[in-house]
Structure formats: structure tokens, C-alpha cells
Amino acid sequence: MGLGGCIILIAAGAILTFATDWHMKGVNLDLVGIILMIVGLIGVSTFSGIARRRRVVVPPTTPVVEEERHHHRDGYSDGYGV
């Protein structure tokens, strides 16, 4: 479950707790909503902790050193000679 799923759990729990007035026999919807919100908050905190640990530091790349070419100045090094 990702961060989006945790936020959906929190929203569903808040809706069940604060926005409904249903009464089901044997089920306390306020308690179910609170449990969903708590599970969602635990998931968000776990997800953010994992996201912080997974950051990878890329080692710096080594500079590219071009080979030095020896240029002969014989009159034909400009590419027009044979």
C-alpha cells in the first residue's frame, strides 16, 4: 500500500466517523472510522520513513580525460591534404 492508499484510509475513516449517522446492529461505525484513520496514519509514517531511507547518494563521476593527440604540422594536418 502506498501513500495514496494510506490517504484513502484516512479519508474513509474520517467520513465514517464524522460524516455519517448510520447505526448498524453489532458494528460501531465511529470506532471503525477511528481504526481506519489510525491505520492510515501508521501507514503514512511508515511510508515516509521508508522513503527517507531509500534515498540513494550517487557517487560523483570521475572526470573524463581525453587522450592527448600529437599533431604533426607537416602541411597536411588540416584534412585537405592526402
PDB file of N, CA and C in Angstrom:
ATOM      1  N   MET A   1       0.858  -1.157   0.000  1.00  0.00           N
ATOM      2  CA  MET A   1       0.000   0.000   0.000  1.00  0.00           C
ATOM      3  C   MET A   1       0.908   1.225   0.000  1.00  0.00           C
ATOM      4  N   GLY A   2       0.655   2.132  -0.899  1.00  0.00           N
ATOM      5  CA  GLY A   2       1.471   3.325  -0.995  1.00  0.00           C
ATOM      6  C   GLY A   2       0.861   4.476  -0.211  1.00  0.00           C
ATOM      7  N   LEU A   3       1.400   5.623  -0.477  1.00  0.00           N
ATOM      8  CA  LEU A   3       0.949   6.828   0.217  1.00  0.00           C
ATOM      9  C   LEU A   3      -0.502   7.140  -0.136  1.00  0.00           C
ATOM     10  N   GLY A   4      -0.879   6.915  -1.388  1.00  0.00           N
ATOM     11  CA  GLY A   4      -2.265   7.176  -1.795  1.00  0.00           C
ATOM     12  C   GLY A   4      -3.258   6.300  -1.063  1.00  0.00           C
ATOM     13  N   GLY A   5      -2.921   5.038  -0.885  1.00  0.00           N
ATOM     14  CA  GLY A   5      -3.796   4.132  -0.143  1.00  0.00           C
ATOM     15  C   GLY A   5      -3.959   4.546   1.310  1.00  0.00           C
ATOM     16  N   CYS A   6      -2.888   5.023   1.903  1.00  0.00           N
ATOM     17  CA  CYS A   6      -2.960   5.483   3.297  1.00  0.00           C
ATOM     18  C   CYS A   6      -3.859   6.710   3.419  1.00  0.00           C
ATOM     19  N   ILE A   7      -3.764   7.604   2.462  1.00  0.00           N
ATOM     20  CA  ILE A   7      -4.606   8.808   2.490  1.00  0.00           C
ATOM     21  C   ILE A   7      -6.073   8.426   2.286  1.00  0.00           C
ATOM     22  N   ILE A   8      -6.330   7.437   1.429  1.00  0.00           N
ATOM     23  CA  ILE A   8      -7.707   6.973   1.237  1.00  0.00           C
ATOM     24  C   ILE A   8      -8.257   6.352   2.521  1.00  0.00           C
ATOM     25  N   LEU A   9      -7.422   5.597   3.243  1.00  0.00           N
ATOM     26  CA  LEU A   9      -7.873   5.035   4.528  1.00  0.00           C
ATOM     27  C   LEU A   9      -8.224   6.140   5.524  1.00  0.00           C
ATOM     28  N   ILE A  10      -7.405   7.165   5.579  1.00  0.00           N
ATOM     29  CA  ILE A  10      -7.677   8.273   6.500  1.00  0.00           C
ATOM     30  C   ILE A  10      -8.977   8.961   6.117  1.00  0.00           C
ATOM     31  N   ALA A  11      -9.167   9.195   4.811  1.00  0.00           N
ATOM     32  CA  ALA A  11     -10.386   9.871   4.365  1.00  0.00           C
ATOM     33  C   ALA A  11     -11.623   9.021   4.639  1.00  0.00           C
ATOM     34  N   ALA A  12     -11.542   7.723   4.360  1.00  0.00           N
ATOM     35  CA  ALA A  12     -12.693   6.841   4.607  1.00  0.00           C
ATOM     36  C   ALA A  12     -13.015   6.777   6.099  1.00  0.00           C
ATOM     37  N   GLY A  13     -11.986   6.726   6.921  1.00  0.00           N
ATOM     38  CA  GLY A  13     -12.211   6.708   8.366  1.00  0.00           C
ATOM     39  C   GLY A  13     -12.834   7.997   8.860  1.00  0.00           C
ATOM     40  N   ALA A  14     -12.387   9.117   8.311  1.00  0.00           N
ATOM     41  CA  ALA A  14     -12.968  10.397   8.719  1.00  0.00           C
ATOM     42  C   ALA A  14     -14.423  10.495   8.280  1.00  0.00           C
ATOM     43  N   ILE A  15     -14.721   9.985   7.091  1.00  0.00           N
ATOM     44  CA  ILE A  15     -16.117  10.009   6.634  1.00  0.00           C
ATOM     45  C   ILE A  15     -16.989   9.149   7.530  1.00  0.00           C
ATOM     46  N   LEU A  16     -16.510   7.939   7.855  1.00  0.00           N
ATOM     47  CA  LEU A  16     -17.305   7.066   8.727  1.00  0.00           C
ATOM     48  C   LEU A  16     -17.488   7.665  10.120  1.00  0.00           C
ATOM     49  N   THR A  17     -16.475   8.337  10.623  1.00  0.00           N
ATOM     50  CA  THR A  17     -16.547   8.859  11.983  1.00  0.00           C
ATOM     51  C   THR A  17     -17.356  10.151  12.073  1.00  0.00           C
ATOM     52  N   PHE A  18     -17.105  11.073  11.159  1.00  0.00           N
ATOM     53  CA  PHE A  18     -17.662  12.419  11.328  1.00  0.00           C
ATOM     54  C   PHE A  18     -18.837  12.748  10.406  1.00  0.00           C
ATOM     55  N   ALA A  19     -18.982  12.045   9.286  1.00  0.00           N
ATOM     56  CA  ALA A  19     -19.982  12.481   8.308  1.00  0.00           C
ATOM     57  C   ALA A  19     -21.159  11.524   8.163  1.00  0.00           C
ATOM     58  N   THR A  20     -21.201  10.473   8.902  1.00  0.00           N
ATOM     59  CA  THR A  20     -22.328   9.544   8.784  1.00  0.00           C
ATOM     60  C   THR A  20     -23.068   9.446  10.109  1.00  0.00           C
ATOM     61  N   ASP A  21     -24.344   9.129   9.978  1.00  0.00           N
ATOM     62  CA  ASP A  21     -25.128   8.892  11.187  1.00  0.00           C
ATOM     63  C   ASP A  21     -25.844   7.536  11.092  1.00  0.00           C
ATOM     64  N   TRP A  22     -25.219   6.605  10.411  1.00  0.00           N
ATOM     65  CA  TRP A  22     -25.785   5.265  10.282  1.00  0.00           C
ATOM     66  C   TRP A  22     -25.634   4.506  11.594  1.00  0.00           C
ATOM     67  N   HIS A  23     -26.560   3.636  11.822  1.00  0.00           N
ATOM     68  CA  HIS A  23     -26.496   2.778  13.005  1.00  0.00           C
ATOM     69  C   HIS A  23     -26.674   1.347  12.528  1.00  0.00           C
ATOM     70  N   MET A  24     -25.632   0.568  12.699  1.00  0.00           N
ATOM     71  CA  MET A  24     -25.690  -0.849  12.337  1.00  0.00           C
ATOM     72  C   MET A  24     -25.665  -1.674  13.615  1.00  0.00           C
ATOM     73  N   LYS A  25     -26.462  -2.707  13.629  1.00  0.00           N
ATOM     74  CA  LYS A  25     -26.533  -3.557  14.809  1.00  0.00           C
ATOM     75  C   LYS A  25     -25.252  -4.371  14.916  1.00  0.00           C
ATOM     76  N   GLY A  26     -24.538  -4.245  16.004  1.00  0.00           N
ATOM     77  CA  GLY A  26     -23.323  -5.009  16.251  1.00  0.00           C
ATOM     78  C   GLY A  26     -22.054  -4.370  15.722  1.00  0.00           C
ATOM     79  N   VAL A  27     -22.153  -3.217  15.033  1.00  0.00           N
ATOM     80  CA  VAL A  27     -20.971  -2.556  14.481  1.00  0.00           C
ATOM     81  C   VAL A  27     -20.996  -1.093  14.897  1.00  0.00           C
ATOM     82  N   ASN A  28     -19.942  -0.662  15.512  1.00  0.00           N
ATOM     83  CA  ASN A  28     -19.806   0.741  15.880  1.00  0.00           C
ATOM     84  C   ASN A  28     -19.012   1.440  14.768  1.00  0.00           C
ATOM     85  N   LEU A  29     -19.700   2.164  13.887  1.00  0.00           N
ATOM     86  CA  LEU A  29     -19.041   2.786  12.734  1.00  0.00           C
ATOM     87  C   LEU A  29     -18.068   3.880  13.141  1.00  0.00           C
ATOM     88  N   ASP A  30     -18.328   4.536  14.275  1.00  0.00           N
ATOM     89  CA  ASP A  30     -17.366   5.545  14.755  1.00  0.00           C
ATOM     90  C   ASP A  30     -16.033   4.884  15.100  1.00  0.00           C
ATOM     91  N   LEU A  31     -16.089   3.738  15.754  1.00  0.00           N
ATOM     92  CA  LEU A  31     -14.873   3.015  16.112  1.00  0.00           C
ATOM     93  C   LEU A  31     -14.158   2.496  14.863  1.00  0.00           C
ATOM     94  N   VAL A  32     -14.913   1.981  13.899  1.00  0.00           N
ATOM     95  CA  VAL A  32     -14.315   1.506  12.650  1.00  0.00           C
ATOM     96  C   VAL A  32     -13.618   2.666  11.934  1.00  0.00           C
ATOM     97  N   GLY A  33     -14.236   3.836  11.907  1.00  0.00           N
ATOM     98  CA  GLY A  33     -13.626   5.007  11.286  1.00  0.00           C
ATOM     99  C   GLY A  33     -12.351   5.435  11.978  1.00  0.00           C
ATOM    100  N   ILE A  34     -12.361   5.410  13.303  1.00  0.00           N
ATOM    101  CA  ILE A  34     -11.159   5.783  14.058  1.00  0.00           C
ATOM    102  C   ILE A  34     -10.036   4.780  13.788  1.00  0.00           C
ATOM    103  N   ILE A  35     -10.388   3.492  13.740  1.00  0.00           N
ATOM    104  CA  ILE A  35      -9.376   2.472  13.450  1.00  0.00           C
ATOM    105  C   ILE A  35      -8.787   2.684  12.059  1.00  0.00           C
ATOM    106  N   LEU A  36      -9.627   2.981  11.069  1.00  0.00           N
ATOM    107  CA  LEU A  36      -9.125   3.241   9.718  1.00  0.00           C
ATOM    108  C   LEU A  36      -8.197   4.455   9.687  1.00  0.00           C
ATOM    109  N   MET A  37      -8.560   5.490  10.405  1.00  0.00           N
ATOM    110  CA  MET A  37      -7.692   6.684  10.441  1.00  0.00           C
ATOM    111  C   MET A  37      -6.349   6.369  11.104  1.00  0.00           C
ATOM    112  N   ILE A  38      -6.364   5.582  12.164  1.00  0.00           N
ATOM    113  CA  ILE A  38      -5.114   5.226  12.847  1.00  0.00           C
ATOM    114  C   ILE A  38      -4.238   4.372  11.940  1.00  0.00           C
ATOM    115  N   VAL A  39      -4.838   3.399  11.261  1.00  0.00           N
ATOM    116  CA  VAL A  39      -4.066   2.554  10.339  1.00  0.00           C
ATOM    117  C   VAL A  39      -3.487   3.403   9.204  1.00  0.00           C
ATOM    118  N   GLY A  40      -4.263   4.345   8.690  1.00  0.00           N
ATOM    119  CA  GLY A  40      -3.769   5.239   7.646  1.00  0.00           C
ATOM    120  C   GLY A  40      -2.615   6.107   8.122  1.00  0.00           C
ATOM    121  N   LEU A  41      -2.711   6.620   9.336  1.00  0.00           N
ATOM    122  CA  LEU A  41      -1.617   7.435   9.889  1.00  0.00           C
ATOM    123  C   LEU A  41      -0.356   6.606  10.106  1.00  0.00           C
ATOM    124  N   ILE A  42      -0.528   5.377  10.584  1.00  0.00           N
ATOM    125  CA  ILE A  42       0.637   4.493  10.740  1.00  0.00           C
ATOM    126  C   ILE A  42       1.268   4.220   9.382  1.00  0.00           C
ATOM    127  N   GLY A  43       0.440   3.998   8.376  1.00  0.00           N
ATOM    128  CA  GLY A  43       0.956   3.758   7.031  1.00  0.00           C
ATOM    129  C   GLY A  43       1.698   4.959   6.473  1.00  0.00           C
ATOM    130  N   VAL A  44       1.165   6.159   6.688  1.00  0.00           N
ATOM    131  CA  VAL A  44       1.845   7.373   6.202  1.00  0.00           C
ATOM    132  C   VAL A  44       3.188   7.538   6.889  1.00  0.00           C
ATOM    133  N   SER A  45       3.228   7.315   8.196  1.00  0.00           N
ATOM    134  CA  SER A  45       4.503   7.474   8.908  1.00  0.00           C
ATOM    135  C   SER A  45       5.511   6.412   8.470  1.00  0.00           C
ATOM    136  N   THR A  46       5.042   5.195   8.243  1.00  0.00           N
ATOM    137  CA  THR A  46       5.937   4.132   7.767  1.00  0.00           C
ATOM    138  C   THR A  46       6.426   4.423   6.362  1.00  0.00           C
ATOM    139  N   PHE A  47       5.523   4.880   5.508  1.00  0.00           N
ATOM    140  CA  PHE A  47       5.891   5.178   4.128  1.00  0.00           C
ATOM    141  C   PHE A  47       6.907   6.313   4.066  1.00  0.00           C
ATOM    142  N   SER A  48       6.729   7.337   4.885  1.00  0.00           N
ATOM    143  CA  SER A  48       7.685   8.452   4.859  1.00  0.00           C
ATOM    144  C   SER A  48       9.031   8.024   5.441  1.00  0.00           C
ATOM    145  N   GLY A  49       9.041   7.122   6.405  1.00  0.00           N
ATOM    146  CA  GLY A  49      10.302   6.623   6.952  1.00  0.00           C
ATOM    147  C   GLY A  49      11.058   5.787   5.947  1.00  0.00           C
ATOM    148  N   ILE A  50      10.332   4.968   5.195  1.00  0.00           N
ATOM    149  CA  ILE A  50      10.976   4.153   4.161  1.00  0.00           C
ATOM    150  C   ILE A  50      11.484   5.042   3.038  1.00  0.00           C
ATOM    151  N   ALA A  51      10.716   6.040   2.678  1.00  0.00           N
ATOM    152  CA  ALA A  51      11.121   6.936   1.593  1.00  0.00           C
ATOM    153  C   ALA A  51      12.397   7.688   1.967  1.00  0.00           C
ATOM    154  N   ARG A  52      12.552   8.030   3.243  1.00  0.00           N
ATOM    155  CA  ARG A  52      13.772   8.722   3.664  1.00  0.00           C
ATOM    156  C   ARG A  52      14.981   7.803   3.628  1.00  0.00           C
ATOM    157  N   ARG A  53      14.783   6.527   3.982  1.00  0.00           N
ATOM    158  CA  ARG A  53      15.902   5.591   3.993  1.00  0.00           C
ATOM    159  C   ARG A  53      16.314   5.157   2.599  1.00  0.00           C
ATOM    160  N   ARG A  54      15.422   5.208   1.648  1.00  0.00           N
ATOM    161  CA  ARG A  54      15.718   4.706   0.311  1.00  0.00           C
ATOM    162  C   ARG A  54      16.440   5.711  -0.567  1.00  0.00           C
ATOM    163  N   ARG A  55      16.703   6.883  -0.095  1.00  0.00           N
ATOM    164  CA  ARG A  55      17.406   7.853  -0.917  1.00  0.00           C
ATOM    165  C   ARG A  55      18.825   7.376  -1.153  1.00  0.00           C
ATOM    166  N   VAL A  56      19.190   7.302  -2.383  1.00  0.00           N
ATOM    167  CA  VAL A  56      20.494   6.800  -2.766  1.00  0.00           C
ATOM    168  C   VAL A  56      21.374   7.984  -3.147  1.00  0.00           C
ATOM    169  N   VAL A  57      22.544   8.010  -2.571  1.00  0.00           N
ATOM    170  CA  VAL A  57      23.501   9.050  -2.912  1.00  0.00           C
ATOM    171  C   VAL A  57      24.372   8.519  -4.036  1.00  0.00           C
ATOM    172  N   VAL A  58      24.312   9.200  -5.147  1.00  0.00           N
ATOM    173  CA  VAL A  58      25.078   8.768  -6.301  1.00  0.00           C
ATOM    174  C   VAL A  58      26.510   9.245  -6.142  1.00  0.00           C
ATOM    175  N   PRO A  59      27.459   8.338  -6.268  1.00  0.00           N
ATOM    176  CA  PRO A  59      28.849   8.771  -6.130  1.00  0.00           C
ATOM    177  C   PRO A  59      29.227   9.685  -7.293  1.00  0.00           C
ATOM    178  N   PRO A  60      30.103  10.622  -7.024  1.00  0.00           N
ATOM    179  CA  PRO A  60      30.482  11.540  -8.097  1.00  0.00           C
ATOM    180  C   PRO A  60      31.190  10.778  -9.220  1.00  0.00           C
ATOM    181  N   THR A  61      30.935  11.206 -10.428  1.00  0.00           N
ATOM    182  CA  THR A  61      31.549  10.536 -11.566  1.00  0.00           C
ATOM    183  C   THR A  61      32.981  11.006 -11.723  1.00  0.00           C
ATOM    184  N   THR A  62      33.786  10.128 -12.227  1.00  0.00           N
ATOM    185  CA  THR A  62      35.176  10.504 -12.459  1.00  0.00           C
ATOM    186  C   THR A  62      35.251  11.354 -13.718  1.00  0.00           C
ATOM    187  N   PRO A  63      36.100  12.348 -13.716  1.00  0.00           N
ATOM    188  CA  PRO A  63      36.180  13.209 -14.892  1.00  0.00           C
ATOM    189  C   PRO A  63      36.751  12.449 -16.088  1.00  0.00           C
ATOM    190  N   VAL A  64      36.252  12.779 -17.239  1.00  0.00           N
ATOM    191  CA  VAL A  64      36.718  12.144 -18.465  1.00  0.00           C
ATOM    192  C   VAL A  64      37.947  12.892 -18.953  1.00  0.00           C
ATOM    193  N   VAL A  65      39.017  12.165 -19.110  1.00  0.00           N
ATOM    194  CA  VAL A  65      40.260  12.772 -19.573  1.00  0.00           C
ATOM    195  C   VAL A  65      40.465  12.348 -21.023  1.00  0.00           C
ATOM    196  N   GLU A  66      40.507  13.313 -21.885  1.00  0.00           N
ATOM    197  CA  GLU A  66      40.714  12.996 -23.291  1.00  0.00           C
ATOM    198  C   GLU A  66      42.189  12.723 -23.525  1.00  0.00           C
ATOM    199  N   GLU A  67      42.431  11.793 -24.421  1.00  0.00           N
ATOM    200  CA  GLU A  67      43.817  11.481 -24.747  1.00  0.00           C
ATOM    201  C   GLU A  67      44.424  12.638 -25.528  1.00  0.00           C
ATOM    202  N   GLU A  68      45.643  12.914 -25.186  1.00  0.00           N
ATOM    203  CA  GLU A  68      46.326  13.979 -25.921  1.00  0.00           C
ATOM    204  C   GLU A  68      46.809  13.414 -27.251  1.00  0.00           C
ATOM    205  N   ARG A  69      46.468  14.104 -28.287  1.00  0.00           N
ATOM    206  CA  ARG A  69      46.888  13.662 -29.612  1.00  0.00           C
ATOM    207  C   ARG A  69      48.084  14.507 -30.040  1.00  0.00           C
ATOM    208  N   HIS A  70      49.015  13.840 -30.626  1.00  0.00           N
ATOM    209  CA  HIS A  70      50.182  14.546 -31.131  1.00  0.00           C
ATOM    210  C   HIS A  70      49.869  15.018 -32.550  1.00  0.00           C
ATOM    211  N   HIS A  71      49.887  16.299 -32.706  1.00  0.00           N
ATOM    212  CA  HIS A  71      49.589  16.873 -34.013  1.00  0.00           C
ATOM    213  C   HIS A  71      50.886  17.125 -34.752  1.00  0.00           C
ATOM    214  N   HIS A  72      50.956  16.561 -35.903  1.00  0.00           N
ATOM    215  CA  HIS A  72      52.126  16.793 -36.744  1.00  0.00           C
ATOM    216  C   HIS A  72      51.805  17.929 -37.698  1.00  0.00           C
ATOM    217  N   ARG A  73      52.644  18.902 -37.706  1.00  0.00           N
ATOM    218  CA  ARG A  73      52.449  20.038 -38.610  1.00  0.00           C
ATOM    219  C   ARG A  73      53.291  19.819 -39.866  1.00  0.00           C
ATOM    220  N   ASP A  74      52.769  18.944 -40.714  1.00  0.00           N
ATOM    221  CA  ASP A  74      53.524  18.666 -41.932  1.00  0.00           C
ATOM    222  C   ASP A  74      52.875  19.298 -43.161  1.00  0.00           C
ATOM    223  N   GLY A  75      51.892  20.138 -42.943  1.00  0.00           N
ATOM    224  CA  GLY A  75      51.241  20.776 -44.061  1.00  0.00           C
ATOM    225  C   GLY A  75      49.962  20.076 -44.476  1.00  0.00           C
ATOM    226  N   TYR A  76      49.773  18.852 -44.055  1.00  0.00           N
ATOM    227  CA  TYR A  76      48.592  18.110 -44.443  1.00  0.00           C
ATOM    228  C   TYR A  76      47.682  17.803 -43.246  1.00  0.00           C
ATOM    229  N   SER A  77      47.902  18.395 -42.133  1.00  0.00           N
ATOM    230  CA  SER A  77      47.141  18.059 -40.928  1.00  0.00           C
ATOM    231  C   SER A  77      45.803  18.770 -40.874  1.00  0.00           C
ATOM    232  N   ASP A  78      45.520  19.650 -41.843  1.00  0.00           N
ATOM    233  CA  ASP A  78      44.249  20.342 -41.825  1.00  0.00           C
ATOM    234  C   ASP A  78      43.119  19.526 -42.467  1.00  0.00           C
ATOM    235  N   GLY A  79      43.427  18.360 -42.991  1.00  0.00           N
ATOM    236  CA  GLY A  79      42.432  17.492 -43.559  1.00  0.00           C
ATOM    237  C   GLY A  79      42.240  17.655 -45.042  1.00  0.00           C
ATOM    238  N   TYR A  80      42.888  18.637 -45.646  1.00  0.00           N
ATOM    239  CA  TYR A  80      42.730  18.833 -47.070  1.00  0.00           C
ATOM    240  C   TYR A  80      43.825  18.142 -47.880  1.00  0.00           C
ATOM    241  N   GLY A  81      44.835  17.724 -47.249  1.00  0.00           N
ATOM    242  CA  GLY A  81      45.920  17.059 -47.979  1.00  0.00           C
ATOM    243  C   GLY A  81      45.735  15.554 -47.988  1.00  0.00           C
ATOM    244  N   VAL A  82      46.562  14.897 -48.665  1.00  0.00           N
ATOM    245  CA  VAL A  82      46.469  13.448 -48.746  1.00  0.00           C
ATOM    246  C   VAL A  82      47.464  12.803 -47.817  1.00  0.00           C
TER     247      VAL A  82
END
